Amino acid sequence: MKRSEINAALKEMETMIRECKFALPPFCNFTPEEWQEKNHEYDEIRDNMLGWDITDYGLGKFNEVGFSLITLRNGNRKMDQYTKTYAEKLLYIKEGQMAPMHFHWEKMEDIINR
């Protein structure tokens, strides 16, 4: 995806989040400079890739196949200190978009629907 497409998707999801009055954790709004200053107390966020994700599944058709999401919680079965077997994600799928079917053998996902 082009950076301009990613930025547009971020802005659209940010608008939806404000309109729904959904409170995001502070780490979702850190700048790259603020992340540089964060120490080991933020390792869980880094190690489990929490935060924003915009995907078109590499197909180049974001408006048809893809969506925007924020991972709020996530386990990591490969690292003993992160024993969660679930993920919590806020998804934003626009009208006309779809996401390919998938599943996880060892994890449950809570999808926030508002």
PDB file of N, CA and C in Angstrom:
ATOM      1  N   MET A   1       0.841  -1.189   0.000  1.00  0.00           N
ATOM      2  CA  MET A   1       0.000   0.000   0.000  1.00  0.00           C
ATOM      3  C   MET A   1       0.878   1.242   0.000  1.00  0.00           C
ATOM      4  N   LYS A   2       0.380   2.270  -0.623  1.00  0.00           N
ATOM      5  CA  LYS A   2       1.072   3.551  -0.600  1.00  0.00           C
ATOM      6  C   LYS A   2       0.866   4.209   0.761  1.00  0.00           C
ATOM      7  N   ARG A   3       1.863   5.002   1.174  1.00  0.00           N
ATOM      8  CA  ARG A   3       1.764   5.697   2.463  1.00  0.00           C
ATOM      9  C   ARG A   3       0.517   6.572   2.516  1.00  0.00           C
ATOM     10  N   SER A   4       0.156   7.196   1.408  1.00  0.00           N
ATOM     11  CA  SER A   4      -1.038   8.049   1.381  1.00  0.00           C
ATOM     12  C   SER A   4      -2.306   7.237   1.652  1.00  0.00           C
ATOM     13  N   GLU A   5      -2.361   5.990   1.172  1.00  0.00           N
ATOM     14  CA  GLU A   5      -3.517   5.124   1.437  1.00  0.00           C
ATOM     15  C   GLU A   5      -3.567   4.730   2.912  1.00  0.00           C
ATOM     16  N   ILE A   6      -2.409   4.428   3.468  1.00  0.00           N
ATOM     17  CA  ILE A   6      -2.334   4.069   4.889  1.00  0.00           C
ATOM     18  C   ILE A   6      -2.768   5.250   5.747  1.00  0.00           C
ATOM     19  N   ASN A   7      -2.250   6.436   5.444  1.00  0.00           N
ATOM     20  CA  ASN A   7      -2.623   7.633   6.206  1.00  0.00           C
ATOM     21  C   ASN A   7      -4.120   7.901   6.121  1.00  0.00           C
ATOM     22  N   ALA A   8      -4.713   7.736   4.939  1.00  0.00           N
ATOM     23  CA  ALA A   8      -6.157   7.947   4.777  1.00  0.00           C
ATOM     24  C   ALA A   8      -6.941   6.930   5.599  1.00  0.00           C
ATOM     25  N   ALA A   9      -6.500   5.673   5.606  1.00  0.00           N
ATOM     26  CA  ALA A   9      -7.175   4.635   6.392  1.00  0.00           C
ATOM     27  C   ALA A   9      -7.074   4.939   7.886  1.00  0.00           C
ATOM     28  N   LEU A  10      -5.907   5.396   8.333  1.00  0.00           N
ATOM     29  CA  LEU A  10      -5.730   5.769   9.743  1.00  0.00           C
ATOM     30  C   LEU A  10      -6.679   6.898  10.128  1.00  0.00           C
ATOM     31  N   LYS A  11      -6.745   7.928   9.310  1.00  0.00           N
ATOM     32  CA  LYS A  11      -7.622   9.072   9.608  1.00  0.00           C
ATOM     33  C   LYS A  11      -9.087   8.645   9.659  1.00  0.00           C
ATOM     34  N   GLU A  12      -9.491   7.780   8.736  1.00  0.00           N
ATOM     35  CA  GLU A  12     -10.878   7.325   8.720  1.00  0.00           C
ATOM     36  C   GLU A  12     -11.207   6.525   9.984  1.00  0.00           C
ATOM     37  N   MET A  13     -10.290   5.650  10.403  1.00  0.00           N
ATOM     38  CA  MET A  13     -10.527   4.878  11.621  1.00  0.00           C
ATOM     39  C   MET A  13     -10.501   5.779  12.849  1.00  0.00           C
ATOM     40  N   GLU A  14      -9.595   6.747  12.886  1.00  0.00           N
ATOM     41  CA  GLU A  14      -9.554   7.692  14.009  1.00  0.00           C
ATOM     42  C   GLU A  14     -10.878   8.443  14.138  1.00  0.00           C
ATOM     43  N   THR A  15     -11.472   8.823  13.021  1.00  0.00           N
ATOM     44  CA  THR A  15     -12.771   9.507  13.037  1.00  0.00           C
ATOM     45  C   THR A  15     -13.837   8.598  13.633  1.00  0.00           C
ATOM     46  N   MET A  16     -13.870   7.347  13.204  1.00  0.00           N
ATOM     47  CA  MET A  16     -14.843   6.388  13.732  1.00  0.00           C
ATOM     48  C   MET A  16     -14.656   6.208  15.238  1.00  0.00           C
ATOM     49  N   ILE A  17     -13.423   6.114  15.681  1.00  0.00           N
ATOM     50  CA  ILE A  17     -13.137   5.921  17.105  1.00  0.00           C
ATOM     51  C   ILE A  17     -13.652   7.107  17.914  1.00  0.00           C
ATOM     52  N   ARG A  18     -13.413   8.318  17.419  1.00  0.00           N
ATOM     53  CA  ARG A  18     -13.922   9.519  18.113  1.00  0.00           C
ATOM     54  C   ARG A  18     -15.448   9.519  18.144  1.00  0.00           C
ATOM     55  N   GLU A  19     -16.078   9.224  17.007  1.00  0.00           N
ATOM     56  CA  GLU A  19     -17.542   9.238  16.934  1.00  0.00           C
ATOM     57  C   GLU A  19     -18.171   8.201  17.865  1.00  0.00           C
ATOM     58  N   CYS A  20     -17.513   7.069  18.028  1.00  0.00           N
ATOM     59  CA  CYS A  20     -18.025   6.007  18.910  1.00  0.00           C
ATOM     60  C   CYS A  20     -17.603   6.205  20.361  1.00  0.00           C
ATOM     61  N   LYS A  21     -16.798   7.240  20.613  1.00  0.00           N
ATOM     62  CA  LYS A  21     -16.312   7.541  21.965  1.00  0.00           C
ATOM     63  C   LYS A  21     -15.587   6.335  22.585  1.00  0.00           C
ATOM     64  N   PHE A  22     -14.785   5.681  21.773  1.00  0.00           N
ATOM     65  CA  PHE A  22     -14.005   4.539  22.227  1.00  0.00           C
ATOM     66  C   PHE A  22     -12.659   5.048  22.728  1.00  0.00           C
ATOM     67  N   ALA A  23     -12.311   4.712  23.954  1.00  0.00           N
ATOM     68  CA  ALA A  23     -11.051   5.179  24.549  1.00  0.00           C
ATOM     69  C   ALA A  23      -9.927   4.198  24.222  1.00  0.00           C
ATOM     70  N   LEU A  24      -8.917   4.700  23.533  1.00  0.00           N
ATOM     71  CA  LEU A  24      -7.752   3.882  23.214  1.00  0.00           C
ATOM     72  C   LEU A  24      -6.712   3.993  24.318  1.00  0.00           C
ATOM     73  N   PRO A  25      -5.901   2.948  24.504  1.00  0.00           N
ATOM     74  CA  PRO A  25      -4.797   3.064  25.459  1.00  0.00           C
ATOM     75  C   PRO A  25      -3.781   4.091  24.948  1.00  0.00           C
ATOM     76  N   PRO A  26      -3.061   4.728  25.848  1.00  0.00           N
ATOM     77  CA  PRO A  26      -2.124   5.787  25.443  1.00  0.00           C
ATOM     78  C   PRO A  26      -1.116   5.361  24.379  1.00  0.00           C
ATOM     79  N   PHE A  27      -0.650   4.100  24.404  1.00  0.00           N
ATOM     80  CA  PHE A  27       0.381   3.694  23.453  1.00  0.00           C
ATOM     81  C   PHE A  27      -0.075   3.806  21.999  1.00  0.00           C
ATOM     82  N   CYS A  28      -1.364   3.857  21.759  1.00  0.00           N
ATOM     83  CA  CYS A  28      -1.872   3.980  20.383  1.00  0.00           C
ATOM     84  C   CYS A  28      -1.599   5.351  19.784  1.00  0.00           C
ATOM     85  N   ASN A  29      -1.252   6.301  20.620  1.00  0.00           N
ATOM     86  CA  ASN A  29      -1.019   7.661  20.135  1.00  0.00           C
ATOM     87  C   ASN A  29       0.420   8.133  20.313  1.00  0.00           C
ATOM     88  N   PHE A  30       1.327   7.232  20.703  1.00  0.00           N
ATOM     89  CA  PHE A  30       2.729   7.618  20.839  1.00  0.00           C
ATOM     90  C   PHE A  30       3.312   7.958  19.473  1.00  0.00           C
ATOM     91  N   THR A  31       4.126   8.989  19.429  1.00  0.00           N
ATOM     92  CA  THR A  31       4.871   9.324  18.216  1.00  0.00           C
ATOM     93  C   THR A  31       6.105   8.413  18.136  1.00  0.00           C
ATOM     94  N   PRO A  32       6.738   8.315  16.970  1.00  0.00           N
ATOM     95  CA  PRO A  32       7.984   7.534  16.889  1.00  0.00           C
ATOM     96  C   PRO A  32       9.037   8.022  17.891  1.00  0.00           C
ATOM     97  N   GLU A  33       9.092   9.330  18.104  1.00  0.00           N
ATOM     98  CA  GLU A  33      10.054   9.883  19.063  1.00  0.00           C
ATOM     99  C   GLU A  33       9.723   9.431  20.492  1.00  0.00           C
ATOM    100  N   GLU A  34       8.442   9.397  20.841  1.00  0.00           N
ATOM    101  CA  GLU A  34       8.048   8.931  22.176  1.00  0.00           C
ATOM    102  C   GLU A  34       8.381   7.451  22.353  1.00  0.00           C
ATOM    103  N   TRP A  35       8.199   6.640  21.308  1.00  0.00           N
ATOM    104  CA  TRP A  35       8.557   5.221  21.409  1.00  0.00           C
ATOM    105  C   TRP A  35      10.044   5.054  21.686  1.00  0.00           C
ATOM    106  N   GLN A  36      10.869   5.898  21.114  1.00  0.00           N
ATOM    107  CA  GLN A  36      12.318   5.828  21.333  1.00  0.00           C
ATOM    108  C   GLN A  36      12.660   6.002  22.809  1.00  0.00           C
ATOM    109  N   GLU A  37      11.847   6.781  23.521  1.00  0.00           N
ATOM    110  CA  GLU A  37      12.104   7.079  24.935  1.00  0.00           C
ATOM    111  C   GLU A  37      11.571   6.001  25.878  1.00  0.00           C
ATOM    112  N   LYS A  38      10.725   5.104  25.381  1.00  0.00           N
ATOM    113  CA  LYS A  38      10.102   4.100  26.247  1.00  0.00           C
ATOM    114  C   LYS A  38      11.082   2.983  26.567  1.00  0.00           C
ATOM    115  N   ASN A  39      11.088   2.577  27.826  1.00  0.00           N
ATOM    116  CA  ASN A  39      12.000   1.537  28.288  1.00  0.00           C
ATOM    117  C   ASN A  39      11.309   0.177  28.319  1.00  0.00           C
ATOM    118  N   HIS A  40      11.838  -0.718  29.126  1.00  0.00           N
ATOM    119  CA  HIS A  40      11.359  -2.103  29.162  1.00  0.00           C
ATOM    120  C   HIS A  40       9.926  -2.261  29.654  1.00  0.00           C
ATOM    121  N   GLU A  41       9.379  -1.235  30.303  1.00  0.00           N
ATOM    122  CA  GLU A  41       7.988  -1.362  30.754  1.00  0.00           C
ATOM    123  C   GLU A  41       7.022  -1.457  29.563  1.00  0.00           C
ATOM    124  N   TYR A  42       7.496  -1.163  28.372  1.00  0.00           N
ATOM    125  CA  TYR A  42       6.669  -1.254  27.161  1.00  0.00           C
ATOM    126  C   TYR A  42       7.057  -2.444  26.279  1.00  0.00           C
ATOM    127  N   ASP A  43       7.876  -3.352  26.791  1.00  0.00           N
ATOM    128  CA  ASP A  43       8.292  -4.519  25.998  1.00  0.00           C
ATOM    129  C   ASP A  43       7.113  -5.386  25.576  1.00  0.00           C
ATOM    130  N   GLU A  44       6.121  -5.560  26.448  1.00  0.00           N
ATOM    131  CA  GLU A  44       4.981  -6.406  26.081  1.00  0.00           C
ATOM    132  C   GLU A  44       4.262  -5.859  24.848  1.00  0.00           C
ATOM    133  N   ILE A  45       4.152  -4.556  24.766  1.00  0.00           N
ATOM    134  CA  ILE A  45       3.505  -3.926  23.608  1.00  0.00           C
ATOM    135  C   ILE A  45       4.329  -4.183  22.352  1.00  0.00           C
ATOM    136  N   ARG A  46       5.632  -4.016  22.454  1.00  0.00           N
ATOM    137  CA  ARG A  46       6.513  -4.251  21.300  1.00  0.00           C
ATOM    138  C   ARG A  46       6.552  -5.735  20.928  1.00  0.00           C
ATOM    139  N   ASP A  47       6.765  -6.595  21.926  1.00  0.00           N
ATOM    140  CA  ASP A  47       6.938  -8.030  21.672  1.00  0.00           C
ATOM    141  C   ASP A  47       5.702  -8.663  21.036  1.00  0.00           C
ATOM    142  N   ASN A  48       4.531  -8.148  21.371  1.00  0.00           N
ATOM    143  CA  ASN A  48       3.286  -8.744  20.884  1.00  0.00           C
ATOM    144  C   ASN A  48       2.613  -7.923  19.792  1.00  0.00           C
ATOM    145  N   MET A  49       3.346  -6.927  19.298  1.00  0.00           N
ATOM    146  CA  MET A  49       2.899  -6.130  18.158  1.00  0.00           C
ATOM    147  C   MET A  49       1.519  -5.508  18.379  1.00  0.00           C
ATOM    148  N   LEU A  50       1.336  -4.902  19.553  1.00  0.00           N
ATOM    149  CA  LEU A  50       0.087  -4.207  19.827  1.00  0.00           C
ATOM    150  C   LEU A  50       0.086  -2.884  19.082  1.00  0.00           C
ATOM    151  N   GLY A  51      -1.110  -2.392  18.794  1.00  0.00           N
ATOM    152  CA  GLY A  51      -1.222  -1.106  18.122  1.00  0.00           C
ATOM    153  C   GLY A  51      -1.890  -1.217  16.765  1.00  0.00           C
ATOM    154  N   TRP A  52      -1.643  -0.210  15.940  1.00  0.00           N
ATOM    155  CA  TRP A  52      -2.307  -0.034  14.647  1.00  0.00           C
ATOM    156  C   TRP A  52      -1.797  -1.013  13.600  1.00  0.00           C
ATOM    157  N   ASP A  53      -2.721  -1.422  12.722  1.00  0.00           N
ATOM    158  CA  ASP A  53      -2.371  -2.270  11.583  1.00  0.00           C
ATOM    159  C   ASP A  53      -3.346  -1.962  10.453  1.00  0.00           C
ATOM    160  N   ILE A  54      -2.825  -1.657   9.305  1.00  0.00           N
ATOM    161  CA  ILE A  54      -3.636  -1.419   8.109  1.00  0.00           C
ATOM    162  C   ILE A  54      -3.184  -2.466   7.101  1.00  0.00           C
ATOM    163  N   THR A  55      -4.105  -3.285   6.590  1.00  0.00           N
ATOM    164  CA  THR A  55      -3.685  -4.346   5.680  1.00  0.00           C
ATOM    165  C   THR A  55      -4.576  -4.452   4.453  1.00  0.00           C
ATOM    166  N   ASP A  56      -3.931  -4.744   3.348  1.00  0.00           N
ATOM    167  CA  ASP A  56      -4.657  -5.115   2.129  1.00  0.00           C
ATOM    168  C   ASP A  56      -4.273  -6.540   1.735  1.00  0.00           C
ATOM    169  N   TYR A  57      -3.669  -7.271   2.684  1.00  0.00           N
ATOM    170  CA  TYR A  57      -3.223  -8.650   2.483  1.00  0.00           C
ATOM    171  C   TYR A  57      -2.273  -8.776   1.294  1.00  0.00           C
ATOM    172  N   GLY A  58      -1.595  -7.690   0.954  1.00  0.00           N
ATOM    173  CA  GLY A  58      -0.646  -7.710  -0.147  1.00  0.00           C
ATOM    174  C   GLY A  58      -1.280  -7.763  -1.524  1.00  0.00           C
ATOM    175  N   LEU A  59      -2.588  -7.558  -1.595  1.00  0.00           N
ATOM    176  CA  LEU A  59      -3.295  -7.672  -2.875  1.00  0.00           C
ATOM    177  C   LEU A  59      -3.415  -6.355  -3.629  1.00  0.00           C
ATOM    178  N   GLY A  60      -3.156  -5.232  -2.935  1.00  0.00           N
ATOM    179  CA  GLY A  60      -3.252  -3.940  -3.595  1.00  0.00           C
ATOM    180  C   GLY A  60      -4.675  -3.490  -3.875  1.00  0.00           C
ATOM    181  N   LYS A  61      -5.644  -4.077  -3.149  1.00  0.00           N
ATOM    182  CA  LYS A  61      -7.059  -3.717  -3.345  1.00  0.00           C
ATOM    183  C   LYS A  61      -7.702  -3.426  -1.987  1.00  0.00           C
ATOM    184  N   PHE A  62      -7.142  -2.464  -1.265  1.00  0.00           N
ATOM    185  CA  PHE A  62      -7.581  -2.193   0.106  1.00  0.00           C
ATOM    186  C   PHE A  62      -9.082  -1.947   0.213  1.00  0.00           C
ATOM    187  N   ASN A  63      -9.671  -1.239  -0.719  1.00  0.00           N
ATOM    188  CA  ASN A  63     -11.101  -0.929  -0.628  1.00  0.00           C
ATOM    189  C   ASN A  63     -11.991  -2.142  -0.864  1.00  0.00           C
ATOM    190  N   GLU A  64     -11.419  -3.231  -1.376  1.00  0.00           N
ATOM    191  CA  GLU A  64     -12.185  -4.464  -1.549  1.00  0.00           C
ATOM    192  C   GLU A  64     -11.775  -5.539  -0.539  1.00  0.00           C
ATOM    193  N   VAL A  65     -10.467  -5.734  -0.377  1.00  0.00           N
ATOM    194  CA  VAL A  65      -9.952  -6.785   0.511  1.00  0.00           C
ATOM    195  C   VAL A  65      -8.952  -6.143   1.462  1.00  0.00           C
ATOM    196  N   GLY A  66      -9.352  -6.015   2.705  1.00  0.00           N
ATOM    197  CA  GLY A  66      -8.472  -5.420   3.700  1.00  0.00           C
ATOM    198  C   GLY A  66      -9.275  -4.747   4.786  1.00  0.00           C
ATOM    199  N   PHE A  67      -8.589  -4.261   5.789  1.00  0.00           N
ATOM    200  CA  PHE A  67      -9.240  -3.507   6.856  1.00  0.00           C
ATOM    201  C   PHE A  67      -8.199  -2.849   7.741  1.00  0.00           C
ATOM    202  N   SER A  68      -8.685  -2.027   8.645  1.00  0.00           N
ATOM    203  CA  SER A  68      -7.854  -1.343   9.632  1.00  0.00           C
ATOM    204  C   SER A  68      -8.157  -1.965  10.987  1.00  0.00           C
ATOM    205  N   LEU A  69      -7.148  -2.079  11.830  1.00  0.00           N
ATOM    206  CA  LEU A  69      -7.392  -2.637  13.155  1.00  0.00           C
ATOM    207  C   LEU A  69      -6.389  -2.101  14.155  1.00  0.00           C
ATOM    208  N   ILE A  70      -6.771  -2.235  15.404  1.00  0.00           N
ATOM    209  CA  ILE A  70      -5.866  -1.939  16.511  1.00  0.00           C
ATOM    210  C   ILE A  70      -5.867  -3.164  17.410  1.00  0.00           C
ATOM    211  N   THR A  71      -4.692  -3.725  17.636  1.00  0.00           N
ATOM    212  CA  THR A  71      -4.562  -4.835  18.572  1.00  0.00           C
ATOM    213  C   THR A  71      -4.335  -4.235  19.953  1.00  0.00           C
ATOM    214  N   LEU A  72      -5.280  -4.500  20.855  1.00  0.00           N
ATOM    215  CA  LEU A  72      -5.228  -3.944  22.204  1.00  0.00           C
ATOM    216  C   LEU A  72      -4.564  -4.901  23.189  1.00  0.00           C
ATOM    217  N   ARG A  73      -4.769  -6.202  22.979  1.00  0.00           N
ATOM    218  CA  ARG A  73      -4.141  -7.242  23.805  1.00  0.00           C
ATOM    219  C   ARG A  73      -3.811  -8.404  22.888  1.00  0.00           C
ATOM    220  N   ASN A  74      -2.733  -9.098  23.218  1.00  0.00           N
ATOM    221  CA  ASN A  74      -2.357 -10.237  22.391  1.00  0.00           C
ATOM    222  C   ASN A  74      -1.415 -11.122  23.186  1.00  0.00           C
ATOM    223  N   GLY A  75      -1.620 -12.402  23.096  1.00  0.00           N
ATOM    224  CA  GLY A  75      -0.709 -13.351  23.710  1.00  0.00           C
ATOM    225  C   GLY A  75       0.409 -13.693  22.744  1.00  0.00           C
ATOM    226  N   ASN A  76       1.352 -14.482  23.232  1.00  0.00           N
ATOM    227  CA  ASN A  76       2.473 -14.891  22.398  1.00  0.00           C
ATOM    228  C   ASN A  76       2.926 -16.248  22.917  1.00  0.00           C
ATOM    229  N   ARG A  77       2.447 -17.299  22.288  1.00  0.00           N
ATOM    230  CA  ARG A  77       2.724 -18.656  22.763  1.00  0.00           C
ATOM    231  C   ARG A  77       4.204 -19.029  22.667  1.00  0.00           C
ATOM    232  N   LYS A  78       4.989 -18.234  21.977  1.00  0.00           N
ATOM    233  CA  LYS A  78       6.411 -18.528  21.832  1.00  0.00           C
ATOM    234  C   LYS A  78       7.249 -17.892  22.933  1.00  0.00           C
ATOM    235  N   MET A  79       6.623 -17.039  23.753  1.00  0.00           N
ATOM    236  CA  MET A  79       7.349 -16.370  24.831  1.00  0.00           C
ATOM    237  C   MET A  79       6.615 -16.653  26.143  1.00  0.00           C
ATOM    238  N   ASP A  80       7.283 -17.332  27.060  1.00  0.00           N
ATOM    239  CA  ASP A  80       6.654 -17.800  28.295  1.00  0.00           C
ATOM    240  C   ASP A  80       6.035 -16.697  29.139  1.00  0.00           C
ATOM    241  N   GLN A  81       6.549 -15.488  29.072  1.00  0.00           N
ATOM    242  CA  GLN A  81       6.021 -14.416  29.916  1.00  0.00           C
ATOM    243  C   GLN A  81       4.680 -13.879  29.419  1.00  0.00           C
ATOM    244  N   TYR A  82       4.246 -14.275  28.221  1.00  0.00           N
ATOM    245  CA  TYR A  82       2.978 -13.786  27.662  1.00  0.00           C
ATOM    246  C   TYR A  82       2.050 -14.974  27.429  1.00  0.00           C
ATOM    247  N   THR A  83       1.367 -15.388  28.467  1.00  0.00           N
ATOM    248  CA  THR A  83       0.597 -16.633  28.418  1.00  0.00           C
ATOM    249  C   THR A  83      -0.843 -16.467  27.938  1.00  0.00           C
ATOM    250  N   LYS A  84      -1.232 -15.263  27.575  1.00  0.00           N
ATOM    251  CA  LYS A  84      -2.606 -15.073  27.099  1.00  0.00           C
ATOM    252  C   LYS A  84      -2.867 -15.986  25.905  1.00  0.00           C
ATOM    253  N   THR A  85      -4.045 -16.577  25.873  1.00  0.00           N
ATOM    254  CA  THR A  85      -4.435 -17.404  24.726  1.00  0.00           C
ATOM    255  C   THR A  85      -5.499 -16.694  23.905  1.00  0.00           C
ATOM    256  N   TYR A  86      -5.556 -15.391  24.034  1.00  0.00           N
ATOM    257  CA  TYR A  86      -6.576 -14.626  23.324  1.00  0.00           C
ATOM    258  C   TYR A  86      -5.988 -13.304  22.842  1.00  0.00           C
ATOM    259  N   ALA A  87      -6.717 -12.685  21.945  1.00  0.00           N
ATOM    260  CA  ALA A  87      -6.375 -11.339  21.486  1.00  0.00           C
ATOM    261  C   ALA A  87      -7.632 -10.490  21.580  1.00  0.00           C
ATOM    262  N   GLU A  88      -7.445  -9.207  21.774  1.00  0.00           N
ATOM    263  CA  GLU A  88      -8.556  -8.249  21.744  1.00  0.00           C
ATOM    264  C   GLU A  88      -8.218  -7.224  20.672  1.00  0.00           C
ATOM    265  N   LYS A  89      -9.107  -7.107  19.688  1.00  0.00           N
ATOM    266  CA  LYS A  89      -8.826  -6.241  18.546  1.00  0.00           C
ATOM    267  C   LYS A  89     -10.036  -5.386  18.223  1.00  0.00           C
ATOM    268  N   LEU A  90      -9.763  -4.169  17.848  1.00  0.00           N
ATOM    269  CA  LEU A  90     -10.788  -3.255  17.354  1.00  0.00           C
ATOM    270  C   LEU A  90     -10.618  -3.209  15.840  1.00  0.00           C
ATOM    271  N   LEU A  91     -11.622  -3.688  15.113  1.00  0.00           N
ATOM    272  CA  LEU A  91     -11.556  -3.745  13.655  1.00  0.00           C
ATOM    273  C   LEU A  91     -12.421  -2.662  13.043  1.00  0.00           C
ATOM    274  N   TYR A  92     -11.963  -2.143  11.931  1.00  0.00           N
ATOM    275  CA  TYR A  92     -12.758  -1.199  11.150  1.00  0.00           C
ATOM    276  C   TYR A  92     -12.770  -1.699   9.713  1.00  0.00           C
ATOM    277  N   ILE A  93     -13.923  -2.194   9.305  1.00  0.00           N
ATOM    278  CA  ILE A  93     -14.102  -2.705   7.951  1.00  0.00           C
ATOM    279  C   ILE A  93     -15.142  -1.831   7.279  1.00  0.00           C
ATOM    280  N   LYS A  94     -14.739  -1.205   6.185  1.00  0.00           N
ATOM    281  CA  LYS A  94     -15.637  -0.294   5.482  1.00  0.00           C
ATOM    282  C   LYS A  94     -16.661  -1.091   4.666  1.00  0.00           C
ATOM    283  N   GLU A  95     -17.760  -0.439   4.367  1.00  0.00           N
ATOM    284  CA  GLU A  95     -18.748  -1.062   3.501  1.00  0.00           C
ATOM    285  C   GLU A  95     -18.074  -1.410   2.176  1.00  0.00           C
ATOM    286  N   GLY A  96     -18.273  -2.634   1.732  1.00  0.00           N
ATOM    287  CA  GLY A  96     -17.658  -3.093   0.492  1.00  0.00           C
ATOM    288  C   GLY A  96     -16.337  -3.813   0.689  1.00  0.00           C
ATOM    289  N   GLN A  97     -15.757  -3.710   1.894  1.00  0.00           N
ATOM    290  CA  GLN A  97     -14.512  -4.428   2.184  1.00  0.00           C
ATOM    291  C   GLN A  97     -14.838  -5.811   2.729  1.00  0.00           C
ATOM    292  N   MET A  98     -13.895  -6.726   2.573  1.00  0.00           N
ATOM    293  CA  MET A  98     -14.004  -8.038   3.203  1.00  0.00           C
ATOM    294  C   MET A  98     -12.616  -8.471   3.643  1.00  0.00           C
ATOM    295  N   ALA A  99     -12.617  -9.415   4.565  1.00  0.00           N
ATOM    296  CA  ALA A  99     -11.362  -9.978   5.052  1.00  0.00           C
ATOM    297  C   ALA A  99     -11.383 -11.476   4.765  1.00  0.00           C
ATOM    298  N   PRO A 100     -10.289 -12.024   4.249  1.00  0.00           N
ATOM    299  CA  PRO A 100     -10.251 -13.462   3.989  1.00  0.00           C
ATOM    300  C   PRO A 100     -10.475 -14.256   5.274  1.00  0.00           C
ATOM    301  N   MET A 101     -11.153 -15.373   5.158  1.00  0.00           N
ATOM    302  CA  MET A 101     -11.410 -16.253   6.300  1.00  0.00           C
ATOM    303  C   MET A 101     -10.080 -16.774   6.845  1.00  0.00           C
ATOM    304  N   HIS A 102      -9.957 -16.806   8.165  1.00  0.00           N
ATOM    305  CA  HIS A 102      -8.781 -17.388   8.794  1.00  0.00           C
ATOM    306  C   HIS A 102      -9.135 -17.804  10.216  1.00  0.00           C
ATOM    307  N   PHE A 103      -8.254 -18.560  10.838  1.00  0.00           N
ATOM    308  CA  PHE A 103      -8.439 -18.950  12.236  1.00  0.00           C
ATOM    309  C   PHE A 103      -7.073 -19.194  12.858  1.00  0.00           C
ATOM    310  N   HIS A 104      -7.075 -19.317  14.184  1.00  0.00           N
ATOM    311  CA  HIS A 104      -5.854 -19.596  14.932  1.00  0.00           C
ATOM    312  C   HIS A 104      -6.092 -20.863  15.749  1.00  0.00           C
ATOM    313  N   TRP A 105      -5.200 -21.814  15.650  1.00  0.00           N
ATOM    314  CA  TRP A 105      -5.340 -23.064  16.390  1.00  0.00           C
ATOM    315  C   TRP A 105      -5.275 -22.841  17.899  1.00  0.00           C
ATOM    316  N   GLU A 106      -4.454 -21.914  18.363  1.00  0.00           N
ATOM    317  CA  GLU A 106      -4.197 -21.797  19.796  1.00  0.00           C
ATOM    318  C   GLU A 106      -4.565 -20.444  20.373  1.00  0.00           C
ATOM    319  N   LYS A 107      -5.467 -19.714  19.733  1.00  0.00           N
ATOM    320  CA  LYS A 107      -5.788 -18.392  20.256  1.00  0.00           C
ATOM    321  C   LYS A 107      -7.238 -18.055  19.942  1.00  0.00           C
ATOM    322  N   MET A 108      -7.878 -17.365  20.886  1.00  0.00           N
ATOM    323  CA  MET A 108      -9.213 -16.820  20.660  1.00  0.00           C
ATOM    324  C   MET A 108      -9.052 -15.329  20.415  1.00  0.00           C
ATOM    325  N   GLU A 109      -9.949 -14.754  19.620  1.00  0.00           N
ATOM    326  CA  GLU A 109      -9.930 -13.317  19.394  1.00  0.00           C
ATOM    327  C   GLU A 109     -11.288 -12.739  19.757  1.00  0.00           C
ATOM    328  N   ASP A 110     -11.277 -11.690  20.582  1.00  0.00           N
ATOM    329  CA  ASP A 110     -12.496 -10.946  20.883  1.00  0.00           C
ATOM    330  C   ASP A 110     -12.566  -9.792  19.903  1.00  0.00           C
ATOM    331  N   ILE A 111     -13.630  -9.731  19.148  1.00  0.00           N
ATOM    332  CA  ILE A 111     -13.817  -8.655  18.186  1.00  0.00           C
ATOM    333  C   ILE A 111     -14.800  -7.660  18.788  1.00  0.00           C
ATOM    334  N   ILE A 112     -14.406  -6.401  18.855  1.00  0.00           N
ATOM    335  CA  ILE A 112     -15.244  -5.360  19.447  1.00  0.00           C
ATOM    336  C   ILE A 112     -16.210  -4.872  18.382  1.00  0.00           C
ATOM    337  N   ASN A 113     -17.501  -4.994  18.661  1.00  0.00           N
ATOM    338  CA  ASN A 113     -18.538  -4.622  17.700  1.00  0.00           C
ATOM    339  C   ASN A 113     -19.388  -3.526  18.314  1.00  0.00           C
ATOM    340  N   ARG A 114     -19.333  -2.340  17.733  1.00  0.00           N
ATOM    341  CA  ARG A 114     -20.118  -1.214  18.260  1.00  0.00           C
ATOM    342  C   ARG A 114     -20.957  -0.611  17.172  1.00  0.00           C
TER     343      ARG A 114
END
